[in-house]
Amino acid sequence: MSSQPVTSASRERQRDPERTRAEILEVAQREFTRRGYTGARIDEIAALMRTSKRMIYYYFGSKEQLYIAVLEKVYTEVRAAEAAIDVEHLAPVAAIRTLAELTFDHHDAHQDFIKLVSIENVHEAEYLRRSESLVNLGVPVIDLISRILAAGRASGDFVAEADAVDVHMMISAFCVFRIANQYTFGVLFDRDLAAPEHRARHRRMVGDMVVAYLTGAGASRP
């Protein structure tokens, strides 16, 4: 293996391991998003960083561990965004609508997350389940939704016997589909789901959808 020249960037990385680790994760995230787990190459990640494979293996041990670290990074970011949502002061209908719309915003702004989730589903969550730190990462958002649902039932605003995980799935399904399927949808229906002219309508739709379900506005009639 040819030796890498010692550059000022290399020396800086040696002095700042946290920054180096973060830089590797950022480049690896782009490559795994673009090429998938199977197609991504450590050689290419090293070349893009102008560093050596040895440095990447020093920090992450293997390609698999690097990929898992990328999954941990993107999932932690989305859960942190959910944790920052302050809806406790809102009435139940406004709270669940706000949660849906802010989830829409996050997924719209972090499309790599959606692509990586899609890639990991191709692998049937093989690598996700190997991460100890991600096992209970979904608990806080489910707790938040559960509190909103309980408040809505107590106030009489919500009439559906809704499960928090189902409501989370309902919101995620719309927000994820819009990003994950934008290219096939574009070819089949000649509509760019991510185009700016559709964004406000879709953002409103996801809020309307979950509110209609919970308040019974969309319930079937006998």
N, C-alpha and C. Protein backbone atom coordinates (compact mmCIF):
# COMPACT_ATOMS: atom_id res chain seq x y z
N MET A 1 0.86 -1.20 0.00
CA MET A 1 0.00 0.00 0.00
C MET A 1 0.89 1.24 0.00
N SER A 2 0.59 2.17 -0.89
CA SER A 2 1.42 3.37 -0.98
C SER A 2 1.20 4.26 0.23
N SER A 3 2.24 4.94 0.64
CA SER A 3 2.14 5.80 1.81
C SER A 3 1.52 7.12 1.44
N GLN A 4 0.76 7.68 2.33
CA GLN A 4 0.13 8.98 2.12
C GLN A 4 1.09 10.07 2.57
N PRO A 5 1.22 11.15 1.79
CA PRO A 5 2.07 12.25 2.24
C PRO A 5 1.51 12.91 3.50
N VAL A 6 2.39 13.34 4.35
CA VAL A 6 1.98 14.03 5.56
C VAL A 6 1.66 15.47 5.21
N THR A 7 0.41 15.85 5.28
CA THR A 7 -0.03 17.20 4.95
C THR A 7 -0.34 17.95 6.22
N SER A 8 -0.55 19.27 6.07
CA SER A 8 -0.92 20.06 7.24
C SER A 8 -2.27 19.59 7.79
N ALA A 9 -3.17 19.16 6.88
CA ALA A 9 -4.47 18.64 7.32
C ALA A 9 -4.29 17.37 8.14
N SER A 10 -3.36 16.51 7.70
CA SER A 10 -3.10 15.26 8.43
C SER A 10 -2.57 15.56 9.83
N ARG A 11 -1.64 16.51 9.91
CA ARG A 11 -1.08 16.87 11.21
C ARG A 11 -2.15 17.46 12.12
N GLU A 12 -3.05 18.27 11.54
CA GLU A 12 -4.13 18.86 12.31
C GLU A 12 -5.07 17.78 12.85
N ARG A 13 -5.34 16.76 12.03
CA ARG A 13 -6.20 15.67 12.46
C ARG A 13 -5.59 14.90 13.62
N GLN A 14 -4.27 14.73 13.58
CA GLN A 14 -3.60 14.02 14.66
C GLN A 14 -3.73 14.78 15.97
N ARG A 15 -3.83 16.11 15.90
CA ARG A 15 -3.93 16.92 17.11
C ARG A 15 -5.37 17.02 17.62
N ASP A 16 -6.35 16.72 16.75
CA ASP A 16 -7.76 16.90 17.12
C ASP A 16 -8.55 15.66 16.74
N PRO A 17 -8.48 14.60 17.56
CA PRO A 17 -9.15 13.34 17.21
C PRO A 17 -10.66 13.45 17.08
N GLU A 18 -11.32 14.29 17.90
CA GLU A 18 -12.77 14.43 17.80
C GLU A 18 -13.19 15.03 16.47
N ARG A 19 -12.42 16.02 16.04
CA ARG A 19 -12.71 16.63 14.74
C ARG A 19 -12.47 15.63 13.62
N THR A 20 -11.41 14.84 13.74
CA THR A 20 -11.11 13.83 12.73
C THR A 20 -12.22 12.82 12.62
N ARG A 21 -12.69 12.34 13.76
CA ARG A 21 -13.76 11.35 13.77
C ARG A 21 -15.03 11.92 13.12
N ALA A 22 -15.34 13.18 13.44
CA ALA A 22 -16.52 13.83 12.87
C ALA A 22 -16.38 13.99 11.35
N GLU A 23 -15.17 14.33 10.89
CA GLU A 23 -14.95 14.49 9.45
C GLU A 23 -15.10 13.16 8.72
N ILE A 24 -14.57 12.09 9.31
CA ILE A 24 -14.72 10.77 8.70
C ILE A 24 -16.19 10.41 8.58
N LEU A 25 -16.96 10.66 9.64
CA LEU A 25 -18.39 10.35 9.63
C LEU A 25 -19.14 11.13 8.55
N GLU A 26 -18.79 12.40 8.38
CA GLU A 26 -19.47 13.23 7.38
C GLU A 26 -19.22 12.70 5.98
N VAL A 27 -17.96 12.37 5.67
CA VAL A 27 -17.62 11.86 4.34
C VAL A 27 -18.24 10.47 4.15
N ALA A 28 -18.15 9.63 5.17
CA ALA A 28 -18.71 8.29 5.08
C ALA A 28 -20.23 8.35 4.89
N GLN A 29 -20.89 9.27 5.57
CA GLN A 29 -22.34 9.42 5.41
C GLN A 29 -22.69 9.71 3.96
N ARG A 30 -21.95 10.60 3.33
CA ARG A 30 -22.22 10.92 1.91
C ARG A 30 -22.01 9.70 1.02
N GLU A 31 -20.95 8.94 1.29
CA GLU A 31 -20.64 7.79 0.45
C GLU A 31 -21.64 6.65 0.65
N PHE A 32 -22.02 6.37 1.89
CA PHE A 32 -23.00 5.32 2.13
C PHE A 32 -24.36 5.72 1.57
N THR A 33 -24.68 7.00 1.65
CA THR A 33 -25.95 7.49 1.09
C THR A 33 -25.95 7.33 -0.43
N ARG A 34 -24.83 7.63 -1.03
CA ARG A 34 -24.73 7.62 -2.50
C ARG A 34 -24.62 6.20 -3.06
N ARG A 35 -23.87 5.34 -2.36
CA ARG A 35 -23.53 4.04 -2.93
C ARG A 35 -24.11 2.85 -2.17
N GLY A 36 -24.71 3.11 -0.99
CA GLY A 36 -25.19 2.01 -0.17
C GLY A 36 -24.05 1.37 0.60
N TYR A 37 -24.42 0.46 1.49
CA TYR A 37 -23.37 -0.20 2.29
C TYR A 37 -22.46 -1.04 1.42
N THR A 38 -23.03 -1.81 0.51
CA THR A 38 -22.24 -2.72 -0.32
C THR A 38 -21.33 -1.95 -1.28
N GLY A 39 -21.86 -0.87 -1.86
CA GLY A 39 -21.10 -0.16 -2.89
C GLY A 39 -20.05 0.80 -2.36
N ALA A 40 -20.20 1.27 -1.14
CA ALA A 40 -19.23 2.23 -0.59
C ALA A 40 -17.89 1.54 -0.34
N ARG A 41 -16.80 2.28 -0.53
CA ARG A 41 -15.46 1.75 -0.38
C ARG A 41 -14.65 2.62 0.59
N ILE A 42 -13.94 1.96 1.49
CA ILE A 42 -13.10 2.70 2.42
C ILE A 42 -12.00 3.45 1.67
N ASP A 43 -11.49 2.87 0.59
CA ASP A 43 -10.46 3.55 -0.22
C ASP A 43 -10.96 4.90 -0.72
N GLU A 44 -12.20 4.92 -1.18
CA GLU A 44 -12.76 6.16 -1.71
C GLU A 44 -12.99 7.18 -0.61
N ILE A 45 -13.46 6.72 0.54
CA ILE A 45 -13.65 7.63 1.68
C ILE A 45 -12.32 8.23 2.10
N ALA A 46 -11.28 7.41 2.14
CA ALA A 46 -9.95 7.89 2.50
C ALA A 46 -9.44 8.90 1.47
N ALA A 47 -9.67 8.61 0.18
CA ALA A 47 -9.22 9.52 -0.88
C ALA A 47 -9.93 10.86 -0.80
N LEU A 48 -11.23 10.83 -0.53
CA LEU A 48 -11.99 12.07 -0.42
C LEU A 48 -11.51 12.91 0.77
N MET A 49 -11.04 12.24 1.81
CA MET A 49 -10.53 12.94 3.00
C MET A 49 -9.06 13.31 2.89
N ARG A 50 -8.40 12.77 1.84
CA ARG A 50 -6.96 12.93 1.68
C ARG A 50 -6.22 12.40 2.91
N THR A 51 -6.66 11.22 3.31
CA THR A 51 -6.02 10.56 4.44
C THR A 51 -5.81 9.10 4.07
N SER A 52 -5.45 8.27 5.03
CA SER A 52 -5.17 6.86 4.76
C SER A 52 -6.29 5.97 5.29
N LYS A 53 -6.40 4.79 4.71
CA LYS A 53 -7.34 3.79 5.23
C LYS A 53 -6.99 3.46 6.67
N ARG A 54 -5.69 3.47 6.96
CA ARG A 54 -5.23 3.12 8.30
C ARG A 54 -5.86 4.05 9.35
N MET A 55 -5.97 5.34 9.04
CA MET A 55 -6.55 6.28 9.99
C MET A 55 -8.03 5.97 10.21
N ILE A 56 -8.73 5.65 9.13
CA ILE A 56 -10.16 5.33 9.26
C ILE A 56 -10.34 4.08 10.11
N TYR A 57 -9.54 3.07 9.86
CA TYR A 57 -9.63 1.83 10.65
C TYR A 57 -9.22 2.07 12.09
N TYR A 58 -8.31 3.00 12.30
CA TYR A 58 -7.88 3.32 13.67
C TYR A 58 -9.07 3.84 14.49
N TYR A 59 -9.90 4.68 13.86
CA TYR A 59 -11.03 5.28 14.58
C TYR A 59 -12.25 4.36 14.62
N PHE A 60 -12.46 3.55 13.59
CA PHE A 60 -13.72 2.81 13.51
C PHE A 60 -13.56 1.29 13.40
N GLY A 61 -12.37 0.82 13.16
CA GLY A 61 -12.12 -0.62 13.20
C GLY A 61 -12.42 -1.37 11.92
N SER A 62 -13.54 -1.08 11.29
CA SER A 62 -13.93 -1.80 10.07
C SER A 62 -14.97 -0.99 9.31
N LYS A 63 -15.22 -1.40 8.08
CA LYS A 63 -16.26 -0.76 7.28
C LYS A 63 -17.62 -0.91 7.95
N GLU A 64 -17.90 -2.10 8.50
CA GLU A 64 -19.17 -2.32 9.16
C GLU A 64 -19.35 -1.40 10.36
N GLN A 65 -18.32 -1.26 11.17
CA GLN A 65 -18.42 -0.40 12.34
C GLN A 65 -18.56 1.07 11.94
N LEU A 66 -17.93 1.45 10.84
CA LEU A 66 -18.08 2.82 10.34
C LEU A 66 -19.52 3.06 9.88
N TYR A 67 -20.08 2.10 9.18
CA TYR A 67 -21.47 2.22 8.71
C TYR A 67 -22.43 2.30 9.90
N ILE A 68 -22.23 1.48 10.90
CA ILE A 68 -23.07 1.52 12.10
C ILE A 68 -22.94 2.87 12.79
N ALA A 69 -21.72 3.41 12.84
CA ALA A 69 -21.50 4.72 13.45
C ALA A 69 -22.25 5.80 12.68
N VAL A 70 -22.31 5.68 11.35
CA VAL A 70 -23.07 6.64 10.54
C VAL A 70 -24.56 6.51 10.86
N LEU A 71 -25.07 5.29 10.97
CA LEU A 71 -26.47 5.10 11.34
C LEU A 71 -26.75 5.71 12.72
N GLU A 72 -25.85 5.49 13.65
CA GLU A 72 -26.02 6.06 14.99
C GLU A 72 -26.06 7.59 14.93
N LYS A 73 -25.21 8.15 14.09
CA LYS A 73 -25.15 9.61 13.94
C LYS A 73 -26.47 10.17 13.41
N VAL A 74 -27.00 9.61 12.32
CA VAL A 74 -28.20 10.20 11.71
C VAL A 74 -29.43 9.94 12.56
N TYR A 75 -29.53 8.78 13.17
CA TYR A 75 -30.67 8.50 14.04
C TYR A 75 -30.62 9.38 15.30
N THR A 76 -29.45 9.57 15.84
CA THR A 76 -29.32 10.43 17.02
C THR A 76 -29.71 11.87 16.70
N GLU A 77 -29.35 12.32 15.50
CA GLU A 77 -29.70 13.68 15.08
C GLU A 77 -31.20 13.86 14.97
N VAL A 78 -31.89 12.88 14.39
CA VAL A 78 -33.34 13.05 14.24
C VAL A 78 -34.03 12.94 15.59
N ARG A 79 -33.54 12.07 16.46
CA ARG A 79 -34.14 11.97 17.79
C ARG A 79 -33.87 13.23 18.61
N ALA A 80 -32.69 13.84 18.43
CA ALA A 80 -32.39 15.10 19.13
C ALA A 80 -33.33 16.20 18.66
N ALA A 81 -33.62 16.21 17.35
CA ALA A 81 -34.56 17.21 16.82
C ALA A 81 -35.95 16.99 17.40
N GLU A 82 -36.37 15.74 17.52
CA GLU A 82 -37.67 15.44 18.12
C GLU A 82 -37.72 15.84 19.59
N ALA A 83 -36.60 15.60 20.29
CA ALA A 83 -36.54 15.94 21.71
C ALA A 83 -36.62 17.44 21.94
N ALA A 84 -36.19 18.21 20.93
CA ALA A 84 -36.19 19.67 21.06
C ALA A 84 -37.56 20.28 20.77
N ILE A 85 -38.49 19.47 20.28
CA ILE A 85 -39.83 19.97 19.97
C ILE A 85 -40.58 20.27 21.27
N ASP A 86 -40.98 21.51 21.43
CA ASP A 86 -41.68 21.95 22.64
C ASP A 86 -43.16 22.13 22.34
N VAL A 87 -43.95 21.12 22.68
CA VAL A 87 -45.39 21.20 22.42
C VAL A 87 -46.20 21.06 23.70
N GLU A 88 -45.52 20.98 24.84
CA GLU A 88 -46.22 20.76 26.10
C GLU A 88 -47.20 21.88 26.44
N HIS A 89 -46.93 23.10 25.94
CA HIS A 89 -47.78 24.24 26.23
C HIS A 89 -48.95 24.37 25.25
N LEU A 90 -49.01 23.49 24.25
CA LEU A 90 -50.04 23.59 23.22
C LEU A 90 -51.22 22.69 23.53
N ALA A 91 -52.38 23.07 23.03
CA ALA A 91 -53.55 22.20 23.10
C ALA A 91 -53.28 20.95 22.26
N PRO A 92 -53.92 19.81 22.55
CA PRO A 92 -53.59 18.55 21.89
C PRO A 92 -53.60 18.60 20.35
N VAL A 93 -54.62 19.21 19.77
CA VAL A 93 -54.69 19.27 18.30
C VAL A 93 -53.51 20.05 17.74
N ALA A 94 -53.22 21.20 18.33
CA ALA A 94 -52.09 22.00 17.87
C ALA A 94 -50.78 21.27 18.12
N ALA A 95 -50.69 20.53 19.22
CA ALA A 95 -49.45 19.82 19.55
C ALA A 95 -49.15 18.72 18.54
N ILE A 96 -50.14 17.92 18.19
CA ILE A 96 -49.87 16.82 17.26
C ILE A 96 -49.64 17.35 15.86
N ARG A 97 -50.32 18.44 15.49
CA ARG A 97 -50.07 19.05 14.19
C ARG A 97 -48.65 19.61 14.13
N THR A 98 -48.22 20.27 15.19
CA THR A 98 -46.87 20.82 15.23
C THR A 98 -45.83 19.72 15.13
N LEU A 99 -46.03 18.63 15.86
CA LEU A 99 -45.09 17.51 15.79
C LEU A 99 -45.01 16.96 14.37
N ALA A 100 -46.16 16.80 13.71
CA ALA A 100 -46.17 16.29 12.34
C ALA A 100 -45.44 17.23 11.39
N GLU A 101 -45.70 18.52 11.52
CA GLU A 101 -45.09 19.50 10.61
C GLU A 101 -43.60 19.64 10.85
N LEU A 102 -43.16 19.57 12.10
CA LEU A 102 -41.73 19.68 12.38
C LEU A 102 -41.00 18.41 11.96
N THR A 103 -41.66 17.26 12.02
CA THR A 103 -41.07 16.03 11.48
C THR A 103 -40.91 16.16 9.97
N PHE A 104 -41.92 16.71 9.32
CA PHE A 104 -41.85 16.99 7.88
C PHE A 104 -40.64 17.88 7.57
N ASP A 105 -40.48 18.94 8.35
CA ASP A 105 -39.37 19.88 8.13
C ASP A 105 -38.02 19.19 8.26
N HIS A 106 -37.88 18.37 9.31
CA HIS A 106 -36.59 17.71 9.54
C HIS A 106 -36.26 16.74 8.40
N HIS A 107 -37.22 15.94 8.00
CA HIS A 107 -36.97 14.98 6.93
C HIS A 107 -36.70 15.68 5.61
N ASP A 108 -37.37 16.79 5.38
CA ASP A 108 -37.14 17.57 4.17
C ASP A 108 -35.72 18.12 4.14
N ALA A 109 -35.22 18.52 5.30
CA ALA A 109 -33.89 19.13 5.38
C ALA A 109 -32.76 18.11 5.54
N HIS A 110 -33.10 16.86 5.87
CA HIS A 110 -32.07 15.83 6.11
C HIS A 110 -32.40 14.60 5.26
N GLN A 111 -32.29 14.77 3.95
CA GLN A 111 -32.68 13.69 3.05
C GLN A 111 -31.71 12.51 3.10
N ASP A 112 -30.47 12.73 3.52
CA ASP A 112 -29.54 11.61 3.70
C ASP A 112 -30.09 10.62 4.71
N PHE A 113 -30.75 11.12 5.75
CA PHE A 113 -31.32 10.24 6.76
C PHE A 113 -32.32 9.28 6.14
N ILE A 114 -33.20 9.80 5.29
CA ILE A 114 -34.21 8.97 4.65
C ILE A 114 -33.56 7.93 3.75
N LYS A 115 -32.57 8.34 3.02
CA LYS A 115 -31.89 7.40 2.10
C LYS A 115 -31.18 6.29 2.87
N LEU A 116 -30.55 6.66 3.98
CA LEU A 116 -29.86 5.65 4.79
C LEU A 116 -30.86 4.69 5.45
N VAL A 117 -32.00 5.20 5.88
CA VAL A 117 -33.04 4.34 6.43
C VAL A 117 -33.52 3.35 5.35
N SER A 118 -33.69 3.84 4.13
CA SER A 118 -34.12 2.98 3.03
C SER A 118 -33.07 1.90 2.75
N ILE A 119 -31.80 2.29 2.77
CA ILE A 119 -30.71 1.33 2.55
C ILE A 119 -30.70 0.28 3.65
N GLU A 120 -30.89 0.71 4.90
CA GLU A 120 -30.85 -0.22 6.01
C GLU A 120 -32.06 -1.17 5.97
N ASN A 121 -33.18 -0.72 5.43
CA ASN A 121 -34.32 -1.61 5.28
C ASN A 121 -34.06 -2.67 4.21
N VAL A 122 -33.28 -2.34 3.20
CA VAL A 122 -32.87 -3.35 2.22
C VAL A 122 -32.10 -4.47 2.92
N HIS A 123 -31.31 -4.10 3.93
CA HIS A 123 -30.54 -5.08 4.70
C HIS A 123 -31.34 -5.65 5.88
N GLU A 124 -32.65 -5.35 5.91
CA GLU A 124 -33.55 -5.85 6.96
C GLU A 124 -33.06 -5.48 8.37
N ALA A 125 -32.53 -4.25 8.49
CA ALA A 125 -32.05 -3.71 9.76
C ALA A 125 -30.93 -4.56 10.38
N GLU A 126 -30.20 -5.25 9.54
CA GLU A 126 -29.12 -6.13 10.02
C GLU A 126 -28.09 -5.36 10.85
N TYR A 127 -27.73 -4.18 10.39
CA TYR A 127 -26.68 -3.42 11.07
C TYR A 127 -27.26 -2.57 12.19
N LEU A 128 -28.47 -2.09 12.00
CA LEU A 128 -29.12 -1.28 13.03
C LEU A 128 -29.25 -2.06 14.34
N ARG A 129 -29.62 -3.31 14.24
CA ARG A 129 -29.83 -4.11 15.46
C ARG A 129 -28.52 -4.46 16.15
N ARG A 130 -27.40 -4.22 15.50
CA ARG A 130 -26.10 -4.48 16.12
C ARG A 130 -25.61 -3.30 16.96
N SER A 131 -26.35 -2.19 16.91
CA SER A 131 -25.96 -1.00 17.66
C SER A 131 -26.67 -0.97 19.01
N GLU A 132 -25.91 -1.06 20.07
CA GLU A 132 -26.50 -1.00 21.41
C GLU A 132 -27.09 0.37 21.71
N SER A 133 -26.50 1.42 21.15
CA SER A 133 -26.95 2.78 21.48
C SER A 133 -28.28 3.13 20.82
N LEU A 134 -28.70 2.37 19.81
CA LEU A 134 -29.94 2.70 19.10
C LEU A 134 -31.14 1.90 19.57
N VAL A 135 -30.92 0.95 20.46
CA VAL A 135 -31.98 0.04 20.87
C VAL A 135 -33.21 0.78 21.41
N ASN A 136 -33.00 1.74 22.29
CA ASN A 136 -34.12 2.45 22.93
C ASN A 136 -34.24 3.90 22.47
N LEU A 137 -33.65 4.20 21.31
CA LEU A 137 -33.62 5.60 20.86
C LEU A 137 -35.00 6.11 20.45
N GLY A 138 -35.93 5.20 20.13
CA GLY A 138 -37.25 5.65 19.72
C GLY A 138 -38.19 5.94 20.88
N VAL A 139 -37.77 5.62 22.10
CA VAL A 139 -38.65 5.75 23.26
C VAL A 139 -39.11 7.19 23.51
N PRO A 140 -38.22 8.20 23.49
CA PRO A 140 -38.66 9.57 23.82
C PRO A 140 -39.79 10.10 22.94
N VAL A 141 -39.71 9.88 21.61
CA VAL A 141 -40.76 10.42 20.74
C VAL A 141 -42.08 9.68 20.97
N ILE A 142 -42.01 8.39 21.27
CA ILE A 142 -43.24 7.65 21.56
C ILE A 142 -43.85 8.13 22.88
N ASP A 143 -43.00 8.44 23.86
CA ASP A 143 -43.49 9.00 25.12
C ASP A 143 -44.17 10.35 24.88
N LEU A 144 -43.56 11.17 24.00
CA LEU A 144 -44.14 12.49 23.69
C LEU A 144 -45.50 12.33 23.04
N ILE A 145 -45.60 11.46 22.05
CA ILE A 145 -46.88 11.24 21.38
C ILE A 145 -47.91 10.68 22.36
N SER A 146 -47.47 9.79 23.23
CA SER A 146 -48.39 9.21 24.22
C SER A 146 -48.98 10.29 25.12
N ARG A 147 -48.15 11.24 25.52
CA ARG A 147 -48.66 12.33 26.37
C ARG A 147 -49.66 13.20 25.62
N ILE A 148 -49.38 13.48 24.35
CA ILE A 148 -50.30 14.28 23.54
C ILE A 148 -51.63 13.54 23.38
N LEU A 149 -51.55 12.25 23.11
CA LEU A 149 -52.77 11.46 22.94
C LEU A 149 -53.59 11.41 24.22
N ALA A 150 -52.90 11.24 25.35
CA ALA A 150 -53.62 11.21 26.64
C ALA A 150 -54.31 12.53 26.92
N ALA A 151 -53.62 13.63 26.62
CA ALA A 151 -54.22 14.95 26.83
C ALA A 151 -55.42 15.16 25.91
N GLY A 152 -55.29 14.66 24.65
CA GLY A 152 -56.39 14.81 23.70
C GLY A 152 -57.61 14.00 24.07
N ARG A 153 -57.39 12.81 24.63
CA ARG A 153 -58.52 12.00 25.08
C ARG A 153 -59.18 12.62 26.31
N ALA A 154 -58.36 13.16 27.19
CA ALA A 154 -58.90 13.79 28.41
C ALA A 154 -59.72 15.03 28.08
N SER A 155 -59.28 15.78 27.06
CA SER A 155 -60.00 17.00 26.69
C SER A 155 -61.21 16.73 25.80
N GLY A 156 -61.27 15.52 25.25
CA GLY A 156 -62.36 15.18 24.33
C GLY A 156 -62.06 15.52 22.89
N ASP A 157 -60.87 16.06 22.61
CA ASP A 157 -60.50 16.41 21.24
C ASP A 157 -60.25 15.17 20.39
N PHE A 158 -59.66 14.14 20.99
CA PHE A 158 -59.32 12.93 20.24
C PHE A 158 -60.31 11.83 20.58
N VAL A 159 -60.90 11.24 19.55
CA VAL A 159 -61.87 10.18 19.76
C VAL A 159 -61.35 8.82 19.29
N ALA A 160 -60.31 8.81 18.48
CA ALA A 160 -59.77 7.55 17.98
C ALA A 160 -59.00 6.84 19.08
N GLU A 161 -59.13 5.51 19.13
CA GLU A 161 -58.34 4.71 20.04
C GLU A 161 -56.97 4.50 19.41
N ALA A 162 -56.16 5.53 19.49
CA ALA A 162 -54.90 5.55 18.75
C ALA A 162 -53.75 5.03 19.59
N ASP A 163 -52.85 4.34 18.93
CA ASP A 163 -51.62 3.86 19.54
C ASP A 163 -50.50 4.80 19.14
N ALA A 164 -49.61 5.13 20.09
CA ALA A 164 -48.56 6.12 19.82
C ALA A 164 -47.63 5.67 18.70
N VAL A 165 -47.30 4.39 18.66
CA VAL A 165 -46.42 3.89 17.60
C VAL A 165 -47.12 4.01 16.24
N ASP A 166 -48.42 3.71 16.20
CA ASP A 166 -49.17 3.85 14.95
C ASP A 166 -49.20 5.30 14.47
N VAL A 167 -49.37 6.23 15.39
CA VAL A 167 -49.40 7.65 15.02
C VAL A 167 -48.02 8.08 14.51
N HIS A 168 -46.98 7.61 15.18
CA HIS A 168 -45.61 7.91 14.72
C HIS A 168 -45.40 7.34 13.32
N MET A 169 -45.88 6.12 13.08
CA MET A 169 -45.76 5.51 11.76
C MET A 169 -46.52 6.32 10.72
N MET A 170 -47.70 6.78 11.08
CA MET A 170 -48.54 7.55 10.16
C MET A 170 -47.82 8.82 9.69
N ILE A 171 -47.23 9.53 10.65
CA ILE A 171 -46.49 10.75 10.33
C ILE A 171 -45.26 10.42 9.49
N SER A 172 -44.50 9.42 9.94
CA SER A 172 -43.27 9.06 9.25
C SER A 172 -43.54 8.55 7.84
N ALA A 173 -44.63 7.79 7.67
CA ALA A 173 -44.94 7.22 6.36
C ALA A 173 -45.06 8.31 5.30
N PHE A 174 -45.79 9.36 5.62
CA PHE A 174 -45.97 10.46 4.66
C PHE A 174 -44.65 11.19 4.42
N CYS A 175 -43.96 11.53 5.51
CA CYS A 175 -42.74 12.33 5.40
C CYS A 175 -41.62 11.57 4.70
N VAL A 176 -41.51 10.27 5.00
CA VAL A 176 -40.45 9.45 4.39
C VAL A 176 -40.76 9.16 2.93
N PHE A 177 -42.01 8.80 2.63
CA PHE A 177 -42.39 8.48 1.25
C PHE A 177 -42.05 9.62 0.31
N ARG A 178 -42.35 10.83 0.74
CA ARG A 178 -42.13 12.00 -0.10
C ARG A 178 -40.68 12.13 -0.54
N ILE A 179 -39.75 11.74 0.32
CA ILE A 179 -38.33 11.83 -0.01
C ILE A 179 -37.84 10.55 -0.68
N ALA A 180 -38.16 9.40 -0.08
CA ALA A 180 -37.62 8.13 -0.56
C ALA A 180 -38.12 7.77 -1.96
N ASN A 181 -39.34 8.17 -2.29
CA ASN A 181 -39.95 7.77 -3.56
C ASN A 181 -40.05 8.91 -4.57
N GLN A 182 -39.33 9.98 -4.33
CA GLN A 182 -39.50 11.15 -5.20
C GLN A 182 -39.09 10.87 -6.65
N TYR A 183 -38.11 10.01 -6.86
CA TYR A 183 -37.63 9.78 -8.23
C TYR A 183 -38.56 8.86 -9.01
N THR A 184 -38.98 7.75 -8.40
CA THR A 184 -39.91 6.87 -9.09
C THR A 184 -41.26 7.55 -9.31
N PHE A 185 -41.71 8.30 -8.31
CA PHE A 185 -42.97 9.04 -8.43
C PHE A 185 -42.86 10.07 -9.56
N GLY A 186 -41.70 10.69 -9.66
CA GLY A 186 -41.49 11.69 -10.71
C GLY A 186 -41.60 11.09 -12.10
N VAL A 187 -41.04 9.90 -12.28
CA VAL A 187 -41.10 9.24 -13.59
C VAL A 187 -42.52 8.77 -13.89
N LEU A 188 -43.19 8.18 -12.91
CA LEU A 188 -44.51 7.58 -13.14
C LEU A 188 -45.62 8.61 -13.26
N PHE A 189 -45.52 9.70 -12.51
CA PHE A 189 -46.62 10.67 -12.45
C PHE A 189 -46.21 12.08 -12.88
N ASP A 190 -44.98 12.23 -13.32
CA ASP A 190 -44.50 13.52 -13.80
C ASP A 190 -44.70 14.62 -12.76
N ARG A 191 -44.37 14.27 -11.51
CA ARG A 191 -44.47 15.26 -10.43
C ARG A 191 -43.27 15.11 -9.51
N ASP A 192 -42.58 16.21 -9.29
CA ASP A 192 -41.45 16.23 -8.38
C ASP A 192 -41.96 16.50 -6.97
N LEU A 193 -42.02 15.44 -6.15
CA LEU A 193 -42.58 15.59 -4.81
C LEU A 193 -41.80 16.57 -3.95
N ALA A 194 -40.51 16.74 -4.23
CA ALA A 194 -39.67 17.63 -3.42
C ALA A 194 -39.60 19.05 -3.97
N ALA A 195 -40.35 19.34 -5.03
CA ALA A 195 -40.32 20.68 -5.62
C ALA A 195 -40.90 21.70 -4.64
N PRO A 196 -40.31 22.91 -4.60
CA PRO A 196 -40.76 23.94 -3.65
C PRO A 196 -42.24 24.28 -3.75
N GLU A 197 -42.82 24.20 -4.95
CA GLU A 197 -44.23 24.59 -5.10
C GLU A 197 -45.19 23.61 -4.42
N HIS A 198 -44.72 22.41 -4.11
CA HIS A 198 -45.58 21.43 -3.43
C HIS A 198 -45.35 21.39 -1.92
N ARG A 199 -44.27 22.00 -1.46
CA ARG A 199 -43.84 21.80 -0.08
C ARG A 199 -44.89 22.25 0.95
N ALA A 200 -45.40 23.46 0.82
CA ALA A 200 -46.35 23.99 1.81
C ALA A 200 -47.61 23.14 1.86
N ARG A 201 -48.08 22.69 0.68
CA ARG A 201 -49.30 21.87 0.65
C ARG A 201 -49.07 20.53 1.32
N HIS A 202 -47.93 19.91 1.05
CA HIS A 202 -47.63 18.62 1.66
C HIS A 202 -47.43 18.74 3.17
N ARG A 203 -46.81 19.82 3.58
CA ARG A 203 -46.61 20.05 5.03
C ARG A 203 -47.95 20.17 5.74
N ARG A 204 -48.87 20.88 5.10
CA ARG A 204 -50.21 21.04 5.67
C ARG A 204 -50.97 19.71 5.64
N MET A 205 -50.78 18.93 4.58
CA MET A 205 -51.47 17.65 4.43
C MET A 205 -51.14 16.68 5.56
N VAL A 206 -49.86 16.60 5.93
CA VAL A 206 -49.50 15.62 6.96
C VAL A 206 -50.14 15.99 8.30
N GLY A 207 -50.21 17.30 8.59
CA GLY A 207 -50.90 17.74 9.81
C GLY A 207 -52.38 17.47 9.74
N ASP A 208 -53.01 17.78 8.59
CA ASP A 208 -54.44 17.53 8.42
C ASP A 208 -54.77 16.05 8.57
N MET A 209 -53.91 15.21 8.01
CA MET A 209 -54.16 13.78 8.00
C MET A 209 -54.20 13.21 9.41
N VAL A 210 -53.20 13.55 10.22
CA VAL A 210 -53.13 12.97 11.57
C VAL A 210 -54.22 13.57 12.47
N VAL A 211 -54.52 14.85 12.30
CA VAL A 211 -55.58 15.48 13.09
C VAL A 211 -56.94 14.88 12.73
N ALA A 212 -57.20 14.68 11.44
CA ALA A 212 -58.47 14.09 11.01
C ALA A 212 -58.64 12.69 11.58
N TYR A 213 -57.57 11.92 11.59
CA TYR A 213 -57.64 10.57 12.13
C TYR A 213 -57.95 10.59 13.63
N LEU A 214 -57.25 11.42 14.36
CA LEU A 214 -57.41 11.42 15.82
C LEU A 214 -58.73 12.04 16.27
N THR A 215 -59.21 13.03 15.54
CA THR A 215 -60.46 13.69 15.95
C THR A 215 -61.69 13.01 15.37
N GLY A 216 -61.48 12.02 14.54
CA GLY A 216 -62.61 11.28 13.98
C GLY A 216 -63.21 11.92 12.75
N ALA A 217 -62.59 12.98 12.24
CA ALA A 217 -63.13 13.66 11.07
C ALA A 217 -63.10 12.77 9.84
N GLY A 218 -62.17 11.85 9.81
CA GLY A 218 -62.05 10.97 8.64
C GLY A 218 -62.61 9.58 8.90
N ALA A 219 -63.34 9.40 10.00
CA ALA A 219 -63.86 8.08 10.35
C ALA A 219 -64.94 7.64 9.39
N SER A 220 -64.97 6.35 9.09
CA SER A 220 -66.01 5.83 8.20
C SER A 220 -67.35 5.80 8.94
N ARG A 221 -68.41 6.01 8.19
CA ARG A 221 -69.75 6.04 8.77
C ARG A 221 -70.49 4.73 8.45
N PRO A 222 -71.28 4.19 9.35
CA PRO A 222 -72.03 2.96 9.07
C PRO A 222 -73.06 3.16 7.97
